[in-house]
Amino acid sequence: MEPSEIKAAFKKRQFNQIIVAVIVIPIVIVLFIFEKNPDMIILGLNNDQIGMGGIGIVGAAVIYSFINWRCPNCNKYLGKQISPKNCSRCGASLK
């Protein structure tokens, strides 16, 4: 894979990670609010229904992140870094 292709693919994967975070963070906040106020009902859904749905979405986001957050060159997991400059496994330049 060409260096420019690696950088473009990484940029797309990084953007996807940001989108996942923008979706998941409010869901986690809502889950904490429901934990503190168990009698709340939103859109006819009770605490248990909101909790199960939220946990399902967060779980799906974690699985997606594990699949998405990989080096475009060697396909190894990039770890917990938010913005790595290079792949720690193959050394490919990501930025």
PDB file of N, CA and C in Angstrom:
ATOM      1  N   MET A   1       0.851  -1.174   0.000  1.00  0.00           N
ATOM      2  CA  MET A   1       0.000   0.000   0.000  1.00  0.00           C
ATOM      3  C   MET A   1       0.900   1.242   0.000  1.00  0.00           C
ATOM      4  N   GLU A   2       0.556   2.213  -0.804  1.00  0.00           N
ATOM      5  CA  GLU A   2       1.318   3.462  -0.901  1.00  0.00           C
ATOM      6  C   GLU A   2       1.152   4.292   0.372  1.00  0.00           C
ATOM      7  N   PRO A   3       2.191   5.051   0.755  1.00  0.00           N
ATOM      8  CA  PRO A   3       2.088   5.895   1.955  1.00  0.00           C
ATOM      9  C   PRO A   3       0.888   6.843   1.941  1.00  0.00           C
ATOM     10  N   SER A   4       0.561   7.413   0.797  1.00  0.00           N
ATOM     11  CA  SER A   4      -0.586   8.321   0.722  1.00  0.00           C
ATOM     12  C   SER A   4      -1.898   7.569   0.944  1.00  0.00           C
ATOM     13  N   GLU A   5      -1.972   6.328   0.476  1.00  0.00           N
ATOM     14  CA  GLU A   5      -3.168   5.507   0.684  1.00  0.00           C
ATOM     15  C   GLU A   5      -3.312   5.131   2.157  1.00  0.00           C
ATOM     16  N   ILE A   6      -2.190   4.829   2.804  1.00  0.00           N
ATOM     17  CA  ILE A   6      -2.207   4.498   4.226  1.00  0.00           C
ATOM     18  C   ILE A   6      -2.712   5.687   5.030  1.00  0.00           C
ATOM     19  N   LYS A   7      -2.192   6.869   4.736  1.00  0.00           N
ATOM     20  CA  LYS A   7      -2.597   8.078   5.463  1.00  0.00           C
ATOM     21  C   LYS A   7      -4.068   8.391   5.233  1.00  0.00           C
ATOM     22  N   ALA A   8      -4.548   8.238   4.011  1.00  0.00           N
ATOM     23  CA  ALA A   8      -5.965   8.497   3.711  1.00  0.00           C
ATOM     24  C   ALA A   8      -6.871   7.496   4.430  1.00  0.00           C
ATOM     25  N   ALA A   9      -6.466   6.232   4.421  1.00  0.00           N
ATOM     26  CA  ALA A   9      -7.268   5.206   5.098  1.00  0.00           C
ATOM     27  C   ALA A   9      -7.278   5.444   6.603  1.00  0.00           C
ATOM     28  N   PHE A  10      -6.122   5.827   7.164  1.00  0.00           N
ATOM     29  CA  PHE A  10      -6.070   6.108   8.598  1.00  0.00           C
ATOM     30  C   PHE A  10      -6.955   7.298   8.948  1.00  0.00           C
ATOM     31  N   LYS A  11      -6.915   8.334   8.132  1.00  0.00           N
ATOM     32  CA  LYS A  11      -7.740   9.531   8.384  1.00  0.00           C
ATOM     33  C   LYS A  11      -9.225   9.164   8.412  1.00  0.00           C
ATOM     34  N   LYS A  12      -9.643   8.284   7.507  1.00  0.00           N
ATOM     35  CA  LYS A  12     -11.038   7.838   7.475  1.00  0.00           C
ATOM     36  C   LYS A  12     -11.374   7.033   8.737  1.00  0.00           C
ATOM     37  N   ARG A  13     -10.468   6.143   9.140  1.00  0.00           N
ATOM     38  CA  ARG A  13     -10.705   5.341  10.345  1.00  0.00           C
ATOM     39  C   ARG A  13     -10.758   6.236  11.588  1.00  0.00           C
ATOM     40  N   GLN A  14      -9.877   7.228  11.635  1.00  0.00           N
ATOM     41  CA  GLN A  14      -9.864   8.148  12.772  1.00  0.00           C
ATOM     42  C   GLN A  14     -11.171   8.949  12.821  1.00  0.00           C
ATOM     43  N   PHE A  15     -11.656   9.401  11.667  1.00  0.00           N
ATOM     44  CA  PHE A  15     -12.930  10.112  11.599  1.00  0.00           C
ATOM     45  C   PHE A  15     -14.066   9.220  12.100  1.00  0.00           C
ATOM     46  N   ASN A  16     -14.063   7.954  11.690  1.00  0.00           N
ATOM     47  CA  ASN A  16     -15.097   7.015  12.144  1.00  0.00           C
ATOM     48  C   ASN A  16     -15.066   6.845  13.658  1.00  0.00           C
ATOM     49  N   GLN A  17     -13.861   6.817  14.243  1.00  0.00           N
ATOM     50  CA  GLN A  17     -13.738   6.705  15.695  1.00  0.00           C
ATOM     51  C   GLN A  17     -14.338   7.924  16.387  1.00  0.00           C
ATOM     52  N   ILE A  18     -14.136   9.094  15.816  1.00  0.00           N
ATOM     53  CA  ILE A  18     -14.701  10.319  16.392  1.00  0.00           C
ATOM     54  C   ILE A  18     -16.222  10.267  16.337  1.00  0.00           C
ATOM     55  N   ILE A  19     -16.769   9.819  15.225  1.00  0.00           N
ATOM     56  CA  ILE A  19     -18.230   9.699  15.094  1.00  0.00           C
ATOM     57  C   ILE A  19     -18.783   8.740  16.146  1.00  0.00           C
ATOM     58  N   VAL A  20     -18.118   7.618  16.344  1.00  0.00           N
ATOM     59  CA  VAL A  20     -18.558   6.641  17.354  1.00  0.00           C
ATOM     60  C   VAL A  20     -18.553   7.299  18.737  1.00  0.00           C
ATOM     61  N   ALA A  21     -17.507   8.046  19.053  1.00  0.00           N
ATOM     62  CA  ALA A  21     -17.429   8.712  20.358  1.00  0.00           C
ATOM     63  C   ALA A  21     -18.542   9.738  20.521  1.00  0.00           C
ATOM     64  N   VAL A  22     -18.832  10.498  19.459  1.00  0.00           N
ATOM     65  CA  VAL A  22     -19.894  11.511  19.519  1.00  0.00           C
ATOM     66  C   VAL A  22     -21.254  10.850  19.764  1.00  0.00           C
ATOM     67  N   ILE A  23     -21.436   9.661  19.271  1.00  0.00           N
ATOM     68  CA  ILE A  23     -22.700   8.947  19.483  1.00  0.00           C
ATOM     69  C   ILE A  23     -22.735   8.304  20.871  1.00  0.00           C
ATOM     70  N   VAL A  24     -21.642   7.689  21.287  1.00  0.00           N
ATOM     71  CA  VAL A  24     -21.637   6.890  22.519  1.00  0.00           C
ATOM     72  C   VAL A  24     -21.597   7.750  23.788  1.00  0.00           C
ATOM     73  N   ILE A  25     -20.871   8.840  23.779  1.00  0.00           N
ATOM     74  CA  ILE A  25     -20.744   9.656  24.998  1.00  0.00           C
ATOM     75  C   ILE A  25     -22.099  10.140  25.510  1.00  0.00           C
ATOM     76  N   PRO A  26     -22.982  10.694  24.673  1.00  0.00           N
ATOM     77  CA  PRO A  26     -24.303  11.082  25.198  1.00  0.00           C
ATOM     78  C   PRO A  26     -25.113   9.888  25.722  1.00  0.00           C
ATOM     79  N   ILE A  27     -24.958   8.734  25.092  1.00  0.00           N
ATOM     80  CA  ILE A  27     -25.679   7.541  25.554  1.00  0.00           C
ATOM     81  C   ILE A  27     -25.204   7.147  26.951  1.00  0.00           C
ATOM     82  N   VAL A  28     -23.914   7.201  27.178  1.00  0.00           N
ATOM     83  CA  VAL A  28     -23.373   6.886  28.500  1.00  0.00           C
ATOM     84  C   VAL A  28     -23.880   7.889  29.532  1.00  0.00           C
ATOM     85  N   ILE A  29     -23.951   9.155  29.164  1.00  0.00           N
ATOM     86  CA  ILE A  29     -24.471  10.183  30.082  1.00  0.00           C
ATOM     87  C   ILE A  29     -25.926   9.882  30.436  1.00  0.00           C
ATOM     88  N   VAL A  30     -26.732   9.522  29.434  1.00  0.00           N
ATOM     89  CA  VAL A  30     -28.137   9.183  29.689  1.00  0.00           C
ATOM     90  C   VAL A  30     -28.225   7.968  30.606  1.00  0.00           C
ATOM     91  N   LEU A  31     -27.355   6.983  30.406  1.00  0.00           N
ATOM     92  CA  LEU A  31     -27.366   5.807  31.277  1.00  0.00           C
ATOM     93  C   LEU A  31     -27.067   6.184  32.720  1.00  0.00           C
ATOM     94  N   PHE A  32     -26.121   7.090  32.940  1.00  0.00           N
ATOM     95  CA  PHE A  32     -25.821   7.543  34.297  1.00  0.00           C
ATOM     96  C   PHE A  32     -26.993   8.315  34.900  1.00  0.00           C
ATOM     97  N   ILE A  33     -27.665   9.132  34.087  1.00  0.00           N
ATOM     98  CA  ILE A  33     -28.837   9.870  34.575  1.00  0.00           C
ATOM     99  C   ILE A  33     -29.931   8.898  34.991  1.00  0.00           C
ATOM    100  N   PHE A  34     -30.173   7.876  34.181  1.00  0.00           N
ATOM    101  CA  PHE A  34     -31.186   6.885  34.522  1.00  0.00           C
ATOM    102  C   PHE A  34     -30.803   6.083  35.754  1.00  0.00           C
ATOM    103  N   GLU A  35     -29.515   5.849  35.949  1.00  0.00           N
ATOM    104  CA  GLU A  35     -29.058   5.129  37.141  1.00  0.00           C
ATOM    105  C   GLU A  35     -29.396   5.916  38.400  1.00  0.00           C
ATOM    106  N   LYS A  36     -29.264   7.229  38.324  1.00  0.00           N
ATOM    107  CA  LYS A  36     -29.539   8.082  39.487  1.00  0.00           C
ATOM    108  C   LYS A  36     -31.037   8.351  39.678  1.00  0.00           C
ATOM    109  N   ASN A  37     -31.821   8.222  38.606  1.00  0.00           N
ATOM    110  CA  ASN A  37     -33.267   8.495  38.647  1.00  0.00           C
ATOM    111  C   ASN A  37     -34.031   7.306  38.061  1.00  0.00           C
ATOM    112  N   PRO A  38     -34.154   6.220  38.804  1.00  0.00           N
ATOM    113  CA  PRO A  38     -34.732   4.989  38.245  1.00  0.00           C
ATOM    114  C   PRO A  38     -36.210   5.086  37.863  1.00  0.00           C
ATOM    115  N   ASP A  39     -36.917   6.109  38.315  1.00  0.00           N
ATOM    116  CA  ASP A  39     -38.340   6.221  37.994  1.00  0.00           C
ATOM    117  C   ASP A  39     -38.600   7.018  36.726  1.00  0.00           C
ATOM    118  N   MET A  40     -37.550   7.501  36.066  1.00  0.00           N
ATOM    119  CA  MET A  40     -37.721   8.297  34.845  1.00  0.00           C
ATOM    120  C   MET A  40     -38.258   7.429  33.711  1.00  0.00           C
ATOM    121  N   ILE A  41     -39.069   8.051  32.876  1.00  0.00           N
ATOM    122  CA  ILE A  41     -39.578   7.384  31.678  1.00  0.00           C
ATOM    123  C   ILE A  41     -39.396   8.357  30.522  1.00  0.00           C
ATOM    124  N   ILE A  42     -38.754   7.897  29.449  1.00  0.00           N
ATOM    125  CA  ILE A  42     -38.564   8.709  28.246  1.00  0.00           C
ATOM    126  C   ILE A  42     -39.143   7.937  27.075  1.00  0.00           C
ATOM    127  N   LEU A  43     -39.994   8.608  26.299  1.00  0.00           N
ATOM    128  CA  LEU A  43     -40.620   8.003  25.124  1.00  0.00           C
ATOM    129  C   LEU A  43     -41.314   6.684  25.452  1.00  0.00           C
ATOM    130  N   GLY A  44     -41.841   6.600  26.649  1.00  0.00           N
ATOM    131  CA  GLY A  44     -42.551   5.407  27.077  1.00  0.00           C
ATOM    132  C   GLY A  44     -41.652   4.247  27.470  1.00  0.00           C
ATOM    133  N   LEU A  45     -40.341   4.496  27.521  1.00  0.00           N
ATOM    134  CA  LEU A  45     -39.398   3.441  27.879  1.00  0.00           C
ATOM    135  C   LEU A  45     -38.962   3.619  29.325  1.00  0.00           C
ATOM    136  N   ASN A  46     -38.945   2.536  30.070  1.00  0.00           N
ATOM    137  CA  ASN A  46     -38.532   2.631  31.468  1.00  0.00           C
ATOM    138  C   ASN A  46     -37.022   2.457  31.606  1.00  0.00           C
ATOM    139  N   ASN A  47     -36.562   2.506  32.827  1.00  0.00           N
ATOM    140  CA  ASN A  47     -35.147   2.447  33.138  1.00  0.00           C
ATOM    141  C   ASN A  47     -34.484   1.178  32.592  1.00  0.00           C
ATOM    142  N   ASP A  48     -35.123   0.037  32.758  1.00  0.00           N
ATOM    143  CA  ASP A  48     -34.546  -1.218  32.286  1.00  0.00           C
ATOM    144  C   ASP A  48     -34.411  -1.243  30.764  1.00  0.00           C
ATOM    145  N   GLN A  49     -35.426  -0.768  30.071  1.00  0.00           N
ATOM    146  CA  GLN A  49     -35.391  -0.768  28.613  1.00  0.00           C
ATOM    147  C   GLN A  49     -34.307   0.177  28.083  1.00  0.00           C
ATOM    148  N   ILE A  50     -34.226   1.369  28.661  1.00  0.00           N
ATOM    149  CA  ILE A  50     -33.187   2.324  28.260  1.00  0.00           C
ATOM    150  C   ILE A  50     -31.808   1.743  28.570  1.00  0.00           C
ATOM    151  N   GLY A  51     -31.669   1.136  29.730  1.00  0.00           N
ATOM    152  CA  GLY A  51     -30.386   0.555  30.129  1.00  0.00           C
ATOM    153  C   GLY A  51     -29.928  -0.540  29.194  1.00  0.00           C
ATOM    154  N   MET A  52     -30.815  -1.450  28.869  1.00  0.00           N
ATOM    155  CA  MET A  52     -30.449  -2.555  27.980  1.00  0.00           C
ATOM    156  C   MET A  52     -30.106  -2.043  26.579  1.00  0.00           C
ATOM    157  N   GLY A  53     -30.897  -1.115  26.085  1.00  0.00           N
ATOM    158  CA  GLY A  53     -30.607  -0.535  24.767  1.00  0.00           C
ATOM    159  C   GLY A  53     -29.283   0.204  24.759  1.00  0.00           C
ATOM    160  N   GLY A  54     -29.042   0.981  25.807  1.00  0.00           N
ATOM    161  CA  GLY A  54     -27.790   1.730  25.911  1.00  0.00           C
ATOM    162  C   GLY A  54     -26.585   0.814  26.006  1.00  0.00           C
ATOM    163  N   ILE A  55     -26.692  -0.216  26.809  1.00  0.00           N
ATOM    164  CA  ILE A  55     -25.591  -1.168  26.943  1.00  0.00           C
ATOM    165  C   ILE A  55     -25.344  -1.877  25.613  1.00  0.00           C
ATOM    166  N   GLY A  56     -26.402  -2.203  24.904  1.00  0.00           N
ATOM    167  CA  GLY A  56     -26.246  -2.830  23.587  1.00  0.00           C
ATOM    168  C   GLY A  56     -25.528  -1.923  22.601  1.00  0.00           C
ATOM    169  N   ILE A  57     -25.898  -0.640  22.594  1.00  0.00           N
ATOM    170  CA  ILE A  57     -25.257   0.313  21.686  1.00  0.00           C
ATOM    171  C   ILE A  57     -23.798   0.517  22.059  1.00  0.00           C
ATOM    172  N   VAL A  58     -23.517   0.661  23.343  1.00  0.00           N
ATOM    173  CA  VAL A  58     -22.135   0.836  23.791  1.00  0.00           C
ATOM    174  C   VAL A  58     -21.312  -0.413  23.466  1.00  0.00           C
ATOM    175  N   GLY A  59     -21.882  -1.591  23.676  1.00  0.00           N
ATOM    176  CA  GLY A  59     -21.186  -2.834  23.334  1.00  0.00           C
ATOM    177  C   GLY A  59     -20.883  -2.922  21.845  1.00  0.00           C
ATOM    178  N   ALA A  60     -21.856  -2.555  21.021  1.00  0.00           N
ATOM    179  CA  ALA A  60     -21.641  -2.565  19.568  1.00  0.00           C
ATOM    180  C   ALA A  60     -20.556  -1.566  19.180  1.00  0.00           C
ATOM    181  N   ALA A  61     -20.518  -0.418  19.848  1.00  0.00           N
ATOM    182  CA  ALA A  61     -19.498   0.594  19.564  1.00  0.00           C
ATOM    183  C   ALA A  61     -18.103   0.090  19.932  1.00  0.00           C
ATOM    184  N   VAL A  62     -17.998  -0.626  21.037  1.00  0.00           N
ATOM    185  CA  VAL A  62     -16.703  -1.186  21.450  1.00  0.00           C
ATOM    186  C   VAL A  62     -16.232  -2.216  20.425  1.00  0.00           C
ATOM    187  N   ILE A  63     -17.118  -3.076  19.986  1.00  0.00           N
ATOM    188  CA  ILE A  63     -16.758  -4.082  18.980  1.00  0.00           C
ATOM    189  C   ILE A  63     -16.351  -3.402  17.673  1.00  0.00           C
ATOM    190  N   TYR A  64     -17.139  -2.403  17.252  1.00  0.00           N
ATOM    191  CA  TYR A  64     -16.803  -1.671  16.028  1.00  0.00           C
ATOM    192  C   TYR A  64     -15.433  -1.014  16.146  1.00  0.00           C
ATOM    193  N   SER A  65     -15.162  -0.394  17.286  1.00  0.00           N
ATOM    194  CA  SER A  65     -13.877   0.275  17.483  1.00  0.00           C
ATOM    195  C   SER A  65     -12.722  -0.715  17.409  1.00  0.00           C
ATOM    196  N   PHE A  66     -12.906  -1.879  17.980  1.00  0.00           N
ATOM    197  CA  PHE A  66     -11.855  -2.891  17.934  1.00  0.00           C
ATOM    198  C   PHE A  66     -11.584  -3.330  16.496  1.00  0.00           C
ATOM    199  N   ILE A  67     -12.620  -3.393  15.679  1.00  0.00           N
ATOM    200  CA  ILE A  67     -12.465  -3.775  14.271  1.00  0.00           C
ATOM    201  C   ILE A  67     -11.904  -2.613  13.450  1.00  0.00           C
ATOM    202  N   ASN A  68     -12.379  -1.406  13.695  1.00  0.00           N
ATOM    203  CA  ASN A  68     -12.009  -0.232  12.904  1.00  0.00           C
ATOM    204  C   ASN A  68     -10.618   0.298  13.224  1.00  0.00           C
ATOM    205  N   TRP A  69     -10.240   0.324  14.497  1.00  0.00           N
ATOM    206  CA  TRP A  69      -9.022   1.006  14.927  1.00  0.00           C
ATOM    207  C   TRP A  69      -7.800   0.117  14.699  1.00  0.00           C
ATOM    208  N   ARG A  70      -7.504  -0.085  13.436  1.00  0.00           N
ATOM    209  CA  ARG A  70      -6.390  -0.932  13.027  1.00  0.00           C
ATOM    210  C   ARG A  70      -5.542  -0.190  12.001  1.00  0.00           C
ATOM    211  N   CYS A  71      -4.279  -0.582  11.946  1.00  0.00           N
ATOM    212  CA  CYS A  71      -3.362   0.006  10.974  1.00  0.00           C
ATOM    213  C   CYS A  71      -3.824  -0.367   9.566  1.00  0.00           C
ATOM    214  N   PRO A  72      -3.941   0.605   8.674  1.00  0.00           N
ATOM    215  CA  PRO A  72      -4.342   0.277   7.299  1.00  0.00           C
ATOM    216  C   PRO A  72      -3.296  -0.559   6.555  1.00  0.00           C
ATOM    217  N   ASN A  73      -2.060  -0.540   7.035  1.00  0.00           N
ATOM    218  CA  ASN A  73      -0.990  -1.265   6.358  1.00  0.00           C
ATOM    219  C   ASN A  73      -0.906  -2.726   6.806  1.00  0.00           C
ATOM    220  N   CYS A  74      -0.813  -2.954   8.125  1.00  0.00           N
ATOM    221  CA  CYS A  74      -0.620  -4.320   8.627  1.00  0.00           C
ATOM    222  C   CYS A  74      -1.863  -4.912   9.292  1.00  0.00           C
ATOM    223  N   ASN A  75      -2.894  -4.099   9.480  1.00  0.00           N
ATOM    224  CA  ASN A  75      -4.166  -4.506  10.071  1.00  0.00           C
ATOM    225  C   ASN A  75      -4.058  -4.917  11.540  1.00  0.00           C
ATOM    226  N   LYS A  76      -3.026  -4.457  12.230  1.00  0.00           N
ATOM    227  CA  LYS A  76      -2.891  -4.717  13.665  1.00  0.00           C
ATOM    228  C   LYS A  76      -3.581  -3.616  14.451  1.00  0.00           C
ATOM    229  N   TYR A  77      -4.100  -3.958  15.625  1.00  0.00           N
ATOM    230  CA  TYR A  77      -4.804  -3.002  16.487  1.00  0.00           C
ATOM    231  C   TYR A  77      -3.864  -1.864  16.879  1.00  0.00           C
ATOM    232  N   LEU A  78      -4.355  -0.624  16.804  1.00  0.00           N
ATOM    233  CA  LEU A  78      -3.526   0.545  17.071  1.00  0.00           C
ATOM    234  C   LEU A  78      -3.427   0.904  18.546  1.00  0.00           C
ATOM    235  N   GLY A  79      -4.154   0.227  19.401  1.00  0.00           N
ATOM    236  CA  GLY A  79      -4.047   0.477  20.833  1.00  0.00           C
ATOM    237  C   GLY A  79      -4.920   1.626  21.297  1.00  0.00           C
ATOM    238  N   LYS A  80      -4.552   2.197  22.431  1.00  0.00           N
ATOM    239  CA  LYS A  80      -5.381   3.213  23.078  1.00  0.00           C
ATOM    240  C   LYS A  80      -5.029   4.634  22.681  1.00  0.00           C
ATOM    241  N   GLN A  81      -4.019   4.810  21.858  1.00  0.00           N
ATOM    242  CA  GLN A  81      -3.639   6.160  21.439  1.00  0.00           C
ATOM    243  C   GLN A  81      -4.747   6.776  20.596  1.00  0.00           C
ATOM    244  N   ILE A  82      -4.989   8.064  20.829  1.00  0.00           N
ATOM    245  CA  ILE A  82      -6.029   8.764  20.080  1.00  0.00           C
ATOM    246  C   ILE A  82      -5.547   9.143  18.687  1.00  0.00           C
ATOM    247  N   SER A  83      -4.298   9.540  18.599  1.00  0.00           N
ATOM    248  CA  SER A  83      -3.781  10.032  17.332  1.00  0.00           C
ATOM    249  C   SER A  83      -2.328   9.587  17.118  1.00  0.00           C
ATOM    250  N   PRO A  84      -2.111   8.288  16.897  1.00  0.00           N
ATOM    251  CA  PRO A  84      -0.727   7.830  16.699  1.00  0.00           C
ATOM    252  C   PRO A  84      -0.153   8.357  15.389  1.00  0.00           C
ATOM    253  N   LYS A  85       1.136   8.665  15.409  1.00  0.00           N
ATOM    254  CA  LYS A  85       1.808   9.131  14.195  1.00  0.00           C
ATOM    255  C   LYS A  85       2.273   7.962  13.333  1.00  0.00           C
ATOM    256  N   ASN A  86       2.627   6.875  14.005  1.00  0.00           N
ATOM    257  CA  ASN A  86       3.108   5.674  13.316  1.00  0.00           C
ATOM    258  C   ASN A  86       2.487   4.441  13.947  1.00  0.00           C
ATOM    259  N   CYS A  87       2.400   3.391  13.164  1.00  0.00           N
ATOM    260  CA  CYS A  87       1.952   2.106  13.684  1.00  0.00           C
ATOM    261  C   CYS A  87       3.075   1.536  14.554  1.00  0.00           C
ATOM    262  N   SER A  88       2.735   1.102  15.754  1.00  0.00           N
ATOM    263  CA  SER A  88       3.754   0.546  16.644  1.00  0.00           C
ATOM    264  C   SER A  88       4.224  -0.834  16.190  1.00  0.00           C
ATOM    265  N   ARG A  89       3.483  -1.467  15.317  1.00  0.00           N
ATOM    266  CA  ARG A  89       3.852  -2.814  14.862  1.00  0.00           C
ATOM    267  C   ARG A  89       4.709  -2.793  13.585  1.00  0.00           C
ATOM    268  N   CYS A  90       4.203  -2.120  12.536  1.00  0.00           N
ATOM    269  CA  CYS A  90       4.916  -2.146  11.249  1.00  0.00           C
ATOM    270  C   CYS A  90       5.673  -0.857  10.963  1.00  0.00           C
ATOM    271  N   GLY A  91       5.434   0.183  11.750  1.00  0.00           N
ATOM    272  CA  GLY A  91       6.141   1.452  11.580  1.00  0.00           C
ATOM    273  C   GLY A  91       5.564   2.343  10.492  1.00  0.00           C
ATOM    274  N   ALA A  92       4.450   1.971   9.893  1.00  0.00           N
ATOM    275  CA  ALA A  92       3.857   2.785   8.820  1.00  0.00           C
ATOM    276  C   ALA A  92       3.504   4.174   9.354  1.00  0.00           C
ATOM    277  N   SER A  93       3.810   5.182   8.551  1.00  0.00           N
ATOM    278  CA  SER A  93       3.465   6.559   8.906  1.00  0.00           C
ATOM    279  C   SER A  93       1.963   6.756   8.686  1.00  0.00           C
ATOM    280  N   LEU A  94       1.270   7.190   9.733  1.00  0.00           N
ATOM    281  CA  LEU A  94      -0.184   7.347   9.658  1.00  0.00           C
ATOM    282  C   LEU A  94      -0.608   8.789   9.465  1.00  0.00           C
ATOM    283  N   LYS A  95       0.301   9.724   9.678  1.00  0.00           N
ATOM    284  CA  LYS A  95      -0.014  11.157   9.540  1.00  0.00           C
ATOM    285  C   LYS A  95       0.880  11.811   8.539  1.00  0.00           C
TER     286      LYS A  95
END
